[in-house]
N, C-alpha and C. Protein backbone atom coordinates (compact mmCIF):
# COMPACT_ATOMS: atom_id res chain seq x y z
N MET A 1 4.02 -6.29 16.80
CA MET A 1 3.82 -4.61 16.15
C MET A 1 4.14 -3.61 16.89
N THR A 2 5.20 -2.57 16.09
CA THR A 2 5.73 -1.83 17.07
C THR A 2 5.28 -0.78 16.15
N GLN A 3 5.54 0.48 16.71
CA GLN A 3 5.17 1.69 16.26
C GLN A 3 6.36 2.65 16.29
N ALA A 4 6.69 3.51 14.79
CA ALA A 4 7.97 4.32 14.42
C ALA A 4 7.06 5.20 13.97
N SER A 5 7.47 6.53 14.43
CA SER A 5 7.66 8.28 13.45
C SER A 5 8.10 8.14 12.55
N VAL A 6 7.31 8.89 11.40
CA VAL A 6 8.24 9.35 10.14
C VAL A 6 8.22 10.37 9.98
N ASN A 7 9.18 11.49 9.04
CA ASN A 7 8.77 12.32 8.88
C ASN A 7 8.18 12.34 7.44
N ALA A 8 7.13 13.06 7.07
CA ALA A 8 5.90 12.59 6.19
C ALA A 8 5.07 13.70 6.36
N VAL A 9 5.34 14.80 5.25
CA VAL A 9 4.61 15.85 5.56
C VAL A 9 4.20 16.72 3.89
N PRO A 10 3.16 17.53 3.79
CA PRO A 10 2.82 17.72 2.72
C PRO A 10 4.03 18.89 1.83
N HIS A 11 4.36 18.25 0.83
CA HIS A 11 5.87 18.99 0.24
C HIS A 11 5.53 20.46 -0.57
N GLY A 12 6.64 20.83 0.19
CA GLY A 12 6.28 22.41 0.13
C GLY A 12 5.84 23.27 1.13
N ALA A 13 5.14 22.54 2.02
CA ALA A 13 4.70 23.38 2.98
C ALA A 13 4.65 22.78 4.29
N PRO A 14 4.64 23.60 5.42
CA PRO A 14 4.74 23.66 6.73
C PRO A 14 4.01 22.55 7.35
N LEU A 15 4.50 21.89 8.21
CA LEU A 15 3.59 20.48 9.04
C LEU A 15 2.80 21.58 9.82
N ASP A 16 1.63 21.33 10.03
CA ASP A 16 0.39 21.79 11.39
C ASP A 16 1.16 20.99 12.50
N LYS A 17 1.80 21.52 13.53
CA LYS A 17 2.31 20.83 14.38
C LYS A 17 0.50 19.59 15.56
N ASP A 18 -0.11 20.74 15.01
CA ASP A 18 -1.32 20.11 16.17
C ASP A 18 -2.12 19.25 15.20
N LYS A 19 -2.04 18.69 13.92
CA LYS A 19 -2.39 17.98 13.19
C LYS A 19 -1.07 16.93 12.74
N ARG A 20 0.04 16.60 13.38
CA ARG A 20 0.88 16.02 12.91
C ARG A 20 0.50 14.74 13.40
N ASN A 21 -0.18 14.27 14.38
CA ASN A 21 -0.59 12.81 14.70
C ASN A 21 -1.72 12.21 13.87
N TRP A 22 -2.57 12.68 12.97
CA TRP A 22 -3.13 11.97 11.98
C TRP A 22 -3.24 12.32 10.85
N ILE A 23 -2.45 13.44 10.69
CA ILE A 23 -1.34 13.45 9.03
C ILE A 23 -0.96 12.77 8.66
N VAL A 24 -0.44 11.65 9.66
CA VAL A 24 0.63 10.52 9.40
C VAL A 24 0.25 9.67 10.14
N ALA A 25 -0.14 7.82 9.29
CA ALA A 25 -0.30 7.24 10.35
C ALA A 25 0.88 6.38 10.25
N THR A 26 1.83 6.01 10.89
CA THR A 26 2.94 5.36 10.57
C THR A 26 2.57 3.86 11.66
N ALA A 27 2.50 2.64 10.74
CA ALA A 27 2.68 0.86 11.13
C ALA A 27 3.58 0.08 10.63
N VAL A 28 4.00 -0.26 11.72
CA VAL A 28 5.27 -1.48 10.88
C VAL A 28 4.84 -2.38 11.26
N ALA A 29 4.41 -3.26 10.78
CA ALA A 29 4.49 -4.52 11.15
C ALA A 29 5.57 -5.54 10.17
N GLY A 30 5.81 -6.49 11.17
CA GLY A 30 7.06 -7.87 10.74
C GLY A 30 5.95 -8.89 9.70
N THR A 31 7.07 -9.96 9.64
CA THR A 31 6.43 -10.60 8.49
C THR A 31 5.10 -11.30 8.75
N ALA A 32 5.05 -11.45 10.18
CA ALA A 32 4.12 -12.34 10.64
C ALA A 32 2.67 -11.87 10.52
N GLY A 33 2.69 -10.56 10.58
CA GLY A 33 1.43 -9.69 9.53
C GLY A 33 0.67 -9.47 10.94
N VAL A 34 -0.31 -8.66 11.13
CA VAL A 34 -1.43 -8.10 11.92
C VAL A 34 -2.87 -8.50 11.59
N ALA A 35 -3.63 -8.66 12.83
CA ALA A 35 -4.91 -9.09 12.23
C ALA A 35 -5.50 -7.90 12.42
N ALA A 36 -6.68 -7.46 11.89
CA ALA A 36 -7.23 -5.99 12.40
C ALA A 36 -8.26 -5.77 11.64
N VAL A 37 -9.09 -5.34 12.06
CA VAL A 37 -10.90 -5.30 12.19
C VAL A 37 -10.57 -3.93 10.74
N ALA A 38 -11.41 -4.27 9.20
CA ALA A 38 -11.22 -3.53 8.26
C ALA A 38 -12.62 -2.74 8.20
N VAL A 39 -12.15 -1.13 8.74
CA VAL A 39 -13.58 -0.39 8.50
C VAL A 39 -13.05 0.51 7.34
N PRO A 40 -14.46 0.93 7.15
CA PRO A 40 -14.35 2.02 4.93
C PRO A 40 -13.11 3.35 5.69
N PHE A 41 -12.61 3.33 5.12
CA PHE A 41 -11.48 4.48 5.25
C PHE A 41 -11.46 5.61 5.65
N VAL A 42 -12.45 6.21 5.24
CA VAL A 42 -12.94 7.33 5.33
C VAL A 42 -13.85 7.52 7.00
N SER A 43 -13.94 6.72 7.47
CA SER A 43 -13.83 6.68 9.36
C SER A 43 -12.64 6.93 9.63
N SER A 44 -11.61 6.26 9.15
CA SER A 44 -10.22 6.10 9.91
C SER A 44 -9.43 7.10 9.57
N PHE A 45 -9.43 8.09 8.42
CA PHE A 45 -8.67 8.82 8.45
C PHE A 45 -9.43 10.28 8.15
N GLN A 46 -9.73 11.16 8.88
CA GLN A 46 -9.91 12.54 8.54
C GLN A 46 -8.54 13.27 8.37
N PRO A 47 -8.68 14.05 6.64
CA PRO A 47 -8.26 14.83 6.45
C PRO A 47 -7.89 16.02 6.43
N SER A 48 -6.85 16.71 6.62
CA SER A 48 -6.64 18.25 7.19
C SER A 48 -7.47 19.43 6.24
N GLU A 49 -7.60 20.23 6.65
CA GLU A 49 -8.21 21.40 5.93
C GLU A 49 -6.94 21.74 4.69
N ARG A 50 -5.85 21.27 5.37
CA ARG A 50 -4.59 22.20 4.17
C ARG A 50 -4.88 20.85 3.49
N ALA A 51 -4.88 19.84 3.70
CA ALA A 51 -4.72 18.32 2.37
C ALA A 51 -6.17 18.92 1.49
N LYS A 52 -6.92 18.92 2.05
CA LYS A 52 -8.40 18.79 1.42
C LYS A 52 -8.11 19.86 0.46
N ALA A 53 -7.47 21.36 0.48
CA ALA A 53 -7.31 22.56 -0.22
C ALA A 53 -6.56 21.93 -1.35
N ALA A 54 -5.49 21.37 -0.95
CA ALA A 54 -4.36 21.39 -2.10
C ALA A 54 -3.96 20.11 -2.36
N GLY A 55 -4.46 19.12 -2.01
CA GLY A 55 -3.69 17.93 -2.32
C GLY A 55 -2.50 17.57 -2.44
N ALA A 56 -1.73 17.92 -1.15
CA ALA A 56 -0.11 18.31 -1.75
C ALA A 56 0.51 16.83 -1.35
N ALA A 57 1.30 16.69 -2.14
CA ALA A 57 2.54 15.87 -2.57
C ALA A 57 2.79 15.92 -0.57
N VAL A 58 3.08 13.87 -0.44
CA VAL A 58 3.45 13.58 0.96
C VAL A 58 5.61 13.09 0.73
N GLU A 59 6.23 14.14 1.33
CA GLU A 59 7.58 13.12 1.35
C GLU A 59 8.07 12.05 2.52
N VAL A 60 8.19 11.31 2.20
CA VAL A 60 8.15 10.23 3.42
C VAL A 60 10.05 9.87 3.54
N ASP A 61 10.07 9.34 4.85
CA ASP A 61 11.45 9.28 4.44
C ASP A 61 11.07 7.69 5.06
N ILE A 62 11.53 6.78 4.10
CA ILE A 62 11.48 4.84 4.29
C ILE A 62 12.91 4.67 4.81
N SER A 63 13.87 5.24 5.50
CA SER A 63 14.81 4.33 5.88
C SER A 63 14.72 3.53 7.01
N ALA A 64 13.50 3.80 7.47
CA ALA A 64 13.70 2.93 9.01
C ALA A 64 12.97 1.92 8.45
N ILE A 65 12.22 1.77 7.19
CA ILE A 65 11.39 0.17 6.81
C ILE A 65 12.45 -1.13 6.72
N LYS A 66 12.32 -1.77 7.56
CA LYS A 66 12.90 -3.38 7.42
C LYS A 66 12.51 -3.75 5.97
N PRO A 67 13.16 -4.88 5.56
CA PRO A 67 12.79 -6.23 5.22
C PRO A 67 11.34 -6.76 5.81
N GLY A 68 10.20 -7.26 4.77
CA GLY A 68 9.19 -7.46 5.46
C GLY A 68 8.51 -6.81 6.68
N GLU A 69 8.39 -5.41 6.26
CA GLU A 69 7.87 -4.66 7.43
C GLU A 69 6.91 -3.50 6.01
N LYS A 70 5.95 -2.72 6.68
CA LYS A 70 5.05 -1.87 6.55
C LYS A 70 4.79 -0.51 6.63
N MET A 71 5.16 0.50 6.34
CA MET A 71 4.80 1.57 7.05
C MET A 71 3.30 2.12 6.05
N THR A 72 2.83 2.96 6.92
CA THR A 72 1.66 3.63 6.04
C THR A 72 1.49 5.30 6.25
N VAL A 73 1.12 5.91 5.63
CA VAL A 73 0.87 7.72 5.90
C VAL A 73 -0.37 7.68 5.00
N GLU A 74 -0.43 8.80 5.09
CA GLU A 74 -1.56 9.45 4.55
C GLU A 74 -1.84 10.50 3.70
N TRP A 75 -2.37 10.33 2.49
CA TRP A 75 -2.21 11.44 1.11
C TRP A 75 -3.61 11.33 0.65
N ARG A 76 -4.20 12.54 0.52
CA ARG A 76 -5.33 13.10 -0.06
C ARG A 76 -6.26 12.38 0.99
N GLY A 77 -6.56 11.93 2.29
CA GLY A 77 -7.13 11.39 3.24
C GLY A 77 -7.19 10.12 2.67
N LYS A 78 -6.14 9.63 2.31
CA LYS A 78 -6.32 7.87 1.71
C LYS A 78 -4.61 7.32 2.45
N PRO A 79 -4.85 6.18 2.93
CA PRO A 79 -4.04 5.40 3.54
C PRO A 79 -3.01 4.78 2.34
N VAL A 80 -1.65 5.02 2.38
CA VAL A 80 -0.88 4.68 1.50
C VAL A 80 0.16 3.52 2.31
N TRP A 81 -0.07 2.94 1.46
CA TRP A 81 1.17 1.50 2.02
C TRP A 81 2.54 1.47 1.24
N ILE A 82 3.56 1.30 2.07
CA ILE A 82 4.91 1.37 2.24
C ILE A 82 5.56 -0.29 2.46
N VAL A 83 5.83 -0.97 1.27
CA VAL A 83 6.32 -2.19 1.83
C VAL A 83 7.79 -2.46 1.38
N ARG A 84 8.69 -2.67 2.27
CA ARG A 84 9.75 -3.39 1.44
C ARG A 84 9.59 -4.78 1.55
N ARG A 85 9.80 -5.24 0.25
CA ARG A 85 9.70 -6.76 0.20
C ARG A 85 10.86 -7.56 0.53
N THR A 86 10.51 -8.42 0.65
CA THR A 86 11.83 -10.02 1.12
C THR A 86 12.03 -10.09 -0.20
N PRO A 87 13.13 -11.19 -0.12
CA PRO A 87 13.75 -11.38 -1.61
C PRO A 87 12.43 -13.09 -1.68
N ASP A 88 11.97 -13.67 -0.87
CA ASP A 88 10.93 -14.53 -0.95
C ASP A 88 9.95 -14.14 -1.53
N GLN A 89 9.47 -12.81 -0.78
CA GLN A 89 8.18 -12.26 -1.13
C GLN A 89 7.99 -12.02 -3.18
N LEU A 90 9.26 -11.39 -2.91
CA LEU A 90 9.08 -10.75 -4.67
C LEU A 90 9.41 -12.20 -6.09
N ALA A 91 10.10 -13.00 -4.94
CA ALA A 91 9.81 -14.19 -5.52
C ALA A 91 8.34 -14.93 -5.79
N SER A 92 7.84 -14.88 -5.03
CA SER A 92 6.29 -15.66 -5.23
C SER A 92 5.53 -14.43 -6.29
N LEU A 93 6.03 -13.56 -6.72
CA LEU A 93 4.96 -12.73 -7.31
C LEU A 93 4.85 -13.26 -8.90
N SER A 94 5.82 -14.31 -9.32
CA SER A 94 5.21 -15.38 -10.60
C SER A 94 5.00 -16.48 -10.03
N LYS A 95 4.70 -17.02 -9.20
CA LYS A 95 4.55 -17.96 -8.85
C LYS A 95 3.00 -17.71 -8.76
N VAL A 96 2.48 -17.00 -8.55
CA VAL A 96 1.04 -16.65 -7.95
C VAL A 96 0.40 -16.00 -9.57
N GLU A 97 1.08 -15.62 -10.36
CA GLU A 97 0.31 -14.78 -11.36
C GLU A 97 -0.80 -15.82 -11.70
N PRO A 98 -1.00 -17.00 -12.28
CA PRO A 98 -1.79 -17.89 -12.77
C PRO A 98 -3.22 -17.61 -12.41
N LEU A 99 -3.28 -17.35 -10.83
CA LEU A 99 -4.38 -16.80 -9.43
C LEU A 99 -5.27 -16.01 -10.05
N LEU A 100 -4.58 -14.82 -10.31
CA LEU A 100 -4.90 -13.41 -10.85
C LEU A 100 -5.96 -12.94 -11.34
N ALA A 101 -6.74 -12.22 -11.05
CA ALA A 101 -8.06 -11.65 -12.20
C ALA A 101 -7.19 -10.61 -12.92
N ASP A 102 -6.09 -10.50 -12.70
CA ASP A 102 -5.27 -9.03 -13.82
C ASP A 102 -3.82 -8.75 -13.19
N PRO A 103 -3.03 -9.97 -13.50
CA PRO A 103 -1.90 -9.75 -13.22
C PRO A 103 -1.10 -8.98 -13.86
N LYS A 104 -1.08 -8.31 -14.88
CA LYS A 104 -0.71 -7.42 -15.98
C LYS A 104 -1.01 -6.06 -15.48
N SER A 105 -1.67 -5.70 -14.79
CA SER A 105 -2.31 -4.52 -14.37
C SER A 105 -3.11 -3.65 -15.93
N GLU A 106 -3.65 -4.24 -16.32
CA GLU A 106 -4.11 -4.11 -17.96
C GLU A 106 -5.35 -3.40 -17.70
N ARG A 107 -6.45 -3.63 -16.60
CA ARG A 107 -7.39 -2.71 -16.63
C ARG A 107 -6.97 -1.84 -15.68
N LYS A 108 -7.81 -0.56 -16.57
CA LYS A 108 -7.72 0.54 -16.04
C LYS A 108 -6.10 1.28 -15.31
N PRO A 109 -5.32 0.62 -16.89
CA PRO A 109 -4.02 1.03 -16.27
C PRO A 109 -3.91 2.66 -15.61
N SER A 110 -4.47 3.34 -16.41
CA SER A 110 -4.29 4.82 -16.46
C SER A 110 -5.13 5.37 -14.62
N GLU A 111 -5.45 4.42 -14.55
CA GLU A 111 -6.59 5.02 -13.21
C GLU A 111 -5.10 4.10 -12.00
N LEU A 112 -5.26 3.29 -11.87
CA LEU A 112 -4.86 2.16 -11.31
C LEU A 112 -3.18 2.23 -11.12
N THR A 113 -2.91 1.98 -12.62
CA THR A 113 -1.09 1.89 -12.20
C THR A 113 -0.25 2.52 -13.48
N PRO A 114 0.25 3.44 -12.75
CA PRO A 114 0.97 4.22 -13.66
C PRO A 114 2.24 3.91 -14.55
N GLU A 115 2.71 3.96 -15.53
CA GLU A 115 3.51 3.13 -16.68
C GLU A 115 4.51 2.71 -15.71
N TYR A 116 4.96 3.16 -15.17
CA TYR A 116 6.50 3.03 -14.52
C TYR A 116 6.18 1.98 -13.04
N ALA A 117 4.98 1.49 -13.43
CA ALA A 117 4.80 0.27 -12.27
C ALA A 117 3.80 -0.45 -13.12
N ARG A 118 4.23 -0.55 -14.34
CA ARG A 118 3.02 -1.87 -15.29
C ARG A 118 4.27 -2.67 -15.49
N ASN A 119 4.91 -3.55 -14.15
CA ASN A 119 6.25 -4.48 -14.58
C ASN A 119 5.90 -5.75 -13.33
N ASP A 120 6.61 -6.45 -13.62
CA ASP A 120 6.24 -7.35 -12.82
C ASP A 120 6.04 -7.53 -11.29
N ASN A 121 6.71 -6.49 -10.81
CA ASN A 121 6.84 -6.45 -8.92
C ASN A 121 5.77 -5.33 -9.07
N ARG A 122 5.75 -4.25 -10.41
CA ARG A 122 4.31 -3.21 -9.77
C ARG A 122 4.58 -2.12 -8.86
N SER A 123 6.15 -1.66 -9.17
CA SER A 123 6.81 -0.80 -8.69
C SER A 123 7.93 -0.37 -9.42
N ILE A 124 8.43 0.70 -8.74
CA ILE A 124 9.86 1.59 -9.00
C ILE A 124 10.98 0.85 -8.76
N LYS A 125 11.06 0.31 -7.62
CA LYS A 125 11.96 -0.21 -7.20
C LYS A 125 11.57 -1.35 -6.76
N PRO A 126 12.37 -2.95 -7.15
CA PRO A 126 11.56 -4.04 -7.44
C PRO A 126 10.99 -4.33 -5.76
N GLU A 127 12.08 -3.86 -4.37
CA GLU A 127 11.60 -3.87 -3.30
C GLU A 127 10.40 -3.08 -2.76
N THR A 128 10.30 -2.33 -2.82
CA THR A 128 9.35 -0.97 -2.59
C THR A 128 8.30 -0.97 -3.18
N LEU A 129 6.69 -1.38 -2.63
CA LEU A 129 5.84 -1.36 -3.17
C LEU A 129 5.17 -0.46 -2.40
N VAL A 130 4.44 0.43 -3.40
CA VAL A 130 3.25 1.96 -3.25
C VAL A 130 2.32 1.44 -3.45
N VAL A 131 1.27 1.06 -2.61
CA VAL A 131 -0.11 1.05 -3.17
C VAL A 131 -0.91 1.94 -2.43
N VAL A 132 -2.05 2.34 -2.91
CA VAL A 132 -3.21 2.83 -1.23
C VAL A 132 -4.12 1.71 -1.03
N GLY A 133 -3.80 1.92 0.54
CA GLY A 133 -4.74 0.60 1.00
C GLY A 133 -6.22 0.63 1.17
N ILE A 134 -6.91 1.03 0.04
CA ILE A 134 -7.96 0.73 0.02
C ILE A 134 -8.78 0.06 -0.98
N CYS A 135 -9.75 -1.02 -0.29
CA CYS A 135 -9.93 -2.54 -1.48
C CYS A 135 -11.07 -1.89 -1.98
N SER A 136 -10.84 -2.47 -3.31
CA SER A 136 -11.74 -1.86 -4.84
C SER A 136 -13.08 -2.39 -4.77
N HIS A 137 -13.33 -3.17 -3.60
CA HIS A 137 -14.64 -3.54 -3.58
C HIS A 137 -15.79 -2.28 -3.16
N LEU A 138 -15.58 -2.32 -1.94
CA LEU A 138 -16.33 -1.37 -1.24
C LEU A 138 -15.49 -0.42 -0.39
N GLY A 139 -14.35 0.53 -0.54
CA GLY A 139 -13.92 0.95 -0.18
C GLY A 139 -13.21 0.41 2.06
N CYS A 140 -12.98 -1.00 2.34
CA CYS A 140 -12.38 -1.29 3.50
C CYS A 140 -10.86 -0.95 3.11
N SER A 141 -10.45 -1.07 3.95
CA SER A 141 -8.85 -1.57 4.19
C SER A 141 -8.30 -2.61 4.30
N PRO A 142 -7.72 -3.27 3.61
CA PRO A 142 -7.21 -4.57 4.02
C PRO A 142 -6.34 -4.98 5.18
N THR A 143 -6.51 -5.85 5.55
CA THR A 143 -5.15 -6.28 6.92
C THR A 143 -4.09 -7.04 5.78
N ASP A 144 -2.56 -6.76 6.63
CA ASP A 144 -1.92 -7.53 6.31
C ASP A 144 -1.86 -9.17 6.67
N LYS A 145 -1.24 -9.67 5.86
CA LYS A 145 -1.31 -11.03 5.78
C LYS A 145 -0.10 -11.77 5.28
N PHE A 146 0.72 -11.38 5.80
CA PHE A 146 2.40 -11.27 4.92
C PHE A 146 3.13 -12.99 5.49
N GLN A 147 2.37 -13.56 6.36
CA GLN A 147 2.94 -14.68 7.02
C GLN A 147 2.36 -15.97 5.44
N PRO A 148 3.30 -16.71 4.54
CA PRO A 148 2.49 -17.61 3.90
C PRO A 148 2.16 -18.66 4.80
N GLY A 149 1.38 -19.74 4.04
CA GLY A 149 0.98 -20.89 4.48
C GLY A 149 -0.67 -20.67 4.83
N ALA A 150 -1.31 -21.88 5.41
CA ALA A 150 -2.67 -22.04 5.79
C ALA A 150 -2.66 -21.32 6.66
N GLN A 151 -4.04 -20.21 6.49
CA GLN A 151 -4.40 -19.34 7.95
C GLN A 151 -5.95 -19.33 8.02
N PRO A 152 -6.74 -18.59 8.79
CA PRO A 152 -8.03 -18.79 8.78
C PRO A 152 -8.39 -17.80 7.78
N SER A 153 -9.29 -18.38 6.92
CA SER A 153 -9.97 -17.45 5.88
C SER A 153 -9.14 -16.60 4.11
N LEU A 154 -7.74 -17.68 4.61
CA LEU A 154 -6.86 -17.80 3.30
C LEU A 154 -6.79 -19.45 2.76
N PRO A 155 -6.07 -19.59 1.89
CA PRO A 155 -6.24 -21.01 1.06
C PRO A 155 -4.27 -21.06 1.89
N ASP A 156 -4.49 -22.46 1.72
CA ASP A 156 -3.11 -23.42 2.54
C ASP A 156 -2.20 -23.07 1.73
N ASP A 157 -2.34 -22.67 0.49
CA ASP A 157 -1.23 -22.38 -0.15
C ASP A 157 -0.44 -20.93 -0.51
N TRP A 158 -1.15 -20.16 0.12
CA TRP A 158 -1.34 -18.55 0.44
C TRP A 158 0.59 -18.17 0.25
N ALA A 159 0.76 -17.34 -0.15
CA ALA A 159 2.29 -17.16 -0.65
C ALA A 159 2.19 -15.47 0.24
N GLY A 160 1.27 -15.03 0.93
CA GLY A 160 1.85 -13.69 1.34
C GLY A 160 1.01 -12.19 0.59
N GLY A 161 0.41 -11.54 1.50
CA GLY A 161 -0.39 -10.77 0.40
C GLY A 161 -1.67 -9.50 1.91
N PHE A 162 -2.70 -9.36 1.12
CA PHE A 162 -3.52 -8.89 2.02
C PHE A 162 -4.63 -9.32 1.93
N LEU A 163 -5.83 -9.00 3.17
CA LEU A 163 -7.07 -9.91 3.10
C LEU A 163 -7.67 -8.73 3.16
N CYS A 164 -9.20 -8.56 2.89
CA CYS A 164 -10.19 -7.61 3.01
C CYS A 164 -10.97 -8.41 3.68
N PRO A 165 -11.06 -8.34 5.32
CA PRO A 165 -12.44 -9.45 5.99
C PRO A 165 -13.41 -8.85 5.42
N CYS A 166 -14.16 -7.56 5.17
CA CYS A 166 -15.42 -7.37 5.10
C CYS A 166 -15.73 -8.34 4.01
N HIS A 167 -15.39 -8.40 3.10
CA HIS A 167 -15.99 -9.79 1.72
C HIS A 167 -15.17 -10.92 1.49
N GLY A 168 -13.57 -11.07 1.86
CA GLY A 168 -12.99 -11.77 1.60
C GLY A 168 -12.15 -11.39 0.10
N SER A 169 -12.14 -10.56 0.07
CA SER A 169 -10.79 -10.24 -1.11
C SER A 169 -9.60 -10.10 -1.11
N THR A 170 -8.93 -10.26 -2.11
CA THR A 170 -7.56 -11.01 -1.39
C THR A 170 -6.47 -10.48 -2.65
N PHE A 171 -5.57 -10.58 -2.08
CA PHE A 171 -4.35 -9.61 -2.86
C PHE A 171 -3.40 -9.94 -2.88
N ASP A 172 -2.56 -9.74 -3.76
CA ASP A 172 -0.71 -10.26 -3.36
C ASP A 172 0.44 -9.57 -2.75
N ILE A 173 0.86 -9.58 -3.09
CA ILE A 173 1.96 -8.77 -2.37
C ILE A 173 2.37 -7.83 -3.03
N ALA A 174 1.67 -7.70 -3.94
CA ALA A 174 2.09 -6.30 -5.14
C ALA A 174 0.72 -5.95 -5.34
N GLY A 175 -0.14 -6.33 -4.54
CA GLY A 175 -1.67 -5.49 -4.41
C GLY A 175 -2.61 -6.42 -5.52
N ARG A 176 -2.32 -7.05 -6.42
CA ARG A 176 -2.45 -7.52 -7.27
C ARG A 176 -4.27 -8.87 -7.27
N VAL A 177 -4.94 -8.30 -7.18
CA VAL A 177 -6.39 -9.14 -6.87
C VAL A 177 -6.12 -10.81 -7.52
N TYR A 178 -6.71 -11.48 -6.29
CA TYR A 178 -7.17 -12.92 -7.08
C TYR A 178 -8.35 -12.82 -7.64
N LYS A 179 -8.74 -13.94 -8.42
CA LYS A 179 -9.68 -14.26 -8.99
C LYS A 179 -10.95 -14.63 -8.50
N ASN A 180 -11.89 -14.36 -8.90
CA ASN A 180 -13.15 -15.17 -8.29
C ASN A 180 -13.07 -14.20 -7.08
N LYS A 181 -13.13 -13.44 -6.83
CA LYS A 181 -12.99 -12.11 -5.30
C LYS A 181 -13.81 -11.02 -5.36
N PRO A 182 -14.83 -10.71 -4.27
CA PRO A 182 -15.59 -9.24 -4.78
C PRO A 182 -15.20 -7.91 -5.27
N ALA A 183 -13.28 -8.08 -4.53
CA ALA A 183 -12.96 -6.74 -5.35
C ALA A 183 -12.48 -6.74 -6.84
N PRO A 184 -13.36 -5.97 -7.82
CA PRO A 184 -12.95 -5.40 -9.01
C PRO A 184 -11.53 -5.89 -9.86
N ASP A 185 -10.96 -4.98 -8.97
CA ASP A 185 -9.44 -4.42 -9.39
C ASP A 185 -8.40 -4.21 -8.33
N ASN A 186 -6.94 -4.55 -9.10
CA ASN A 186 -5.80 -4.42 -8.26
C ASN A 186 -5.92 -3.05 -7.61
N LEU A 187 -5.06 -2.46 -6.47
CA LEU A 187 -4.95 -1.96 -5.48
C LEU A 187 -4.63 -0.62 -6.10
N GLU A 188 -4.69 0.31 -5.67
CA GLU A 188 -3.95 1.50 -6.56
C GLU A 188 -2.48 1.93 -6.40
N VAL A 189 -1.82 2.04 -7.28
CA VAL A 189 -0.63 2.57 -7.11
C VAL A 189 -0.67 4.33 -7.50
N PRO A 190 -0.87 4.58 -6.07
CA PRO A 190 0.00 6.37 -6.49
C PRO A 190 0.57 7.28 -7.04
N PRO A 191 0.38 7.58 -7.66
CA PRO A 191 1.76 8.87 -8.40
C PRO A 191 3.31 8.87 -7.43
N HIS A 192 4.10 8.78 -7.60
CA HIS A 192 5.13 8.46 -6.68
C HIS A 192 6.17 8.54 -7.55
N MET A 193 7.28 8.98 -6.66
CA MET A 193 8.89 9.05 -7.02
C MET A 193 9.82 9.16 -6.08
N TYR A 194 11.36 8.92 -6.03
CA TYR A 194 12.08 8.91 -5.36
C TYR A 194 12.95 10.11 -5.04
N LEU A 195 12.98 10.51 -4.43
CA LEU A 195 14.17 12.43 -4.40
C LEU A 195 15.16 11.58 -4.11
N SER A 196 15.59 10.43 -3.31
CA SER A 196 16.41 10.09 -2.95
C SER A 196 16.65 8.59 -2.55
N ASP A 197 17.41 8.11 -2.49
CA ASP A 197 17.66 6.10 -2.20
C ASP A 197 16.48 6.04 -0.63
N THR A 198 16.39 6.94 0.46
CA THR A 198 15.48 7.17 1.17
C THR A 198 14.17 8.04 1.43
N ARG A 199 14.30 8.65 0.60
CA ARG A 199 13.37 9.93 0.55
C ARG A 199 12.44 9.57 -1.13
N LEU A 200 10.85 9.32 -0.49
CA LEU A 200 10.07 9.28 -1.20
C LEU A 200 8.82 10.55 -1.47
N LEU A 201 8.47 10.59 -2.38
CA LEU A 201 7.37 11.72 -2.73
C LEU A 201 6.18 11.25 -3.14
N ILE A 202 4.92 11.00 -2.49
CA ILE A 202 4.05 10.34 -2.60
C ILE A 202 3.13 11.53 -3.37
N GLY A 203 2.17 11.64 -4.61
CA GLY A 203 1.26 12.29 -4.68
C GLY A 203 1.90 13.44 -5.98
N GLU A 204 3.19 13.19 -6.83
CA GLU A 204 3.76 13.92 -7.65
C GLU A 204 4.75 12.57 -8.30
N ASP A 205 5.08 12.38 -9.78
CA ASP A 205 5.80 11.98 -10.40
C ASP A 205 6.76 12.04 -11.18
N LYS A 206 6.78 13.67 -11.35
CA LYS A 206 7.29 14.20 -12.17
C LYS A 206 9.17 13.65 -13.05
N LYS A 207 9.19 13.25 -12.28
CA LYS A 207 11.18 12.33 -12.73
C LYS A 207 11.06 11.18 -12.85
N ALA A 208 9.40 10.60 -12.52
CA ALA A 208 9.90 8.91 -12.23
C ALA A 208 9.82 8.58 -13.95
């Protein structure tokens, strides 16, 4: 696992340099995924007074994300994952649909999935997934399990996605929950829009 820094700041507001380290949490994970201990997101992210007061949108430079990698930024005290999916990962989405609890994101559509993300990829651009990294069961943060195939706590035909070790909920690479899992819903897609091919605004979607 490698670490990289990005330009992610509340949109339209100056960045408090003393808070930079926890206003933006950036993690780039390769296709093998990274094992980690899941913890409630509230204890992992401490939002700034500025963010709590304004709920400001966050502008992110996504130019450094390579296929199969994930970046994490903080928005309104929540971890937001930005994943650049590979062609193989995109191809897996239709294959796992019969195994999913809500493959078309029809449950709570206005709350969890904006209209522009109610499609086969659950995204504006097919290759780029943007979801809130909080399990819909008890609020833990799932871990990356991008590598397909048999692994501990995962089925032999695992196609890649996310695992919440707290109670075993699994999600595909579009953040859709599998059937018969404790998590009742898919991962939330936050409001977002593209300012350019390489800059993403999380928290606003006026132009989407």
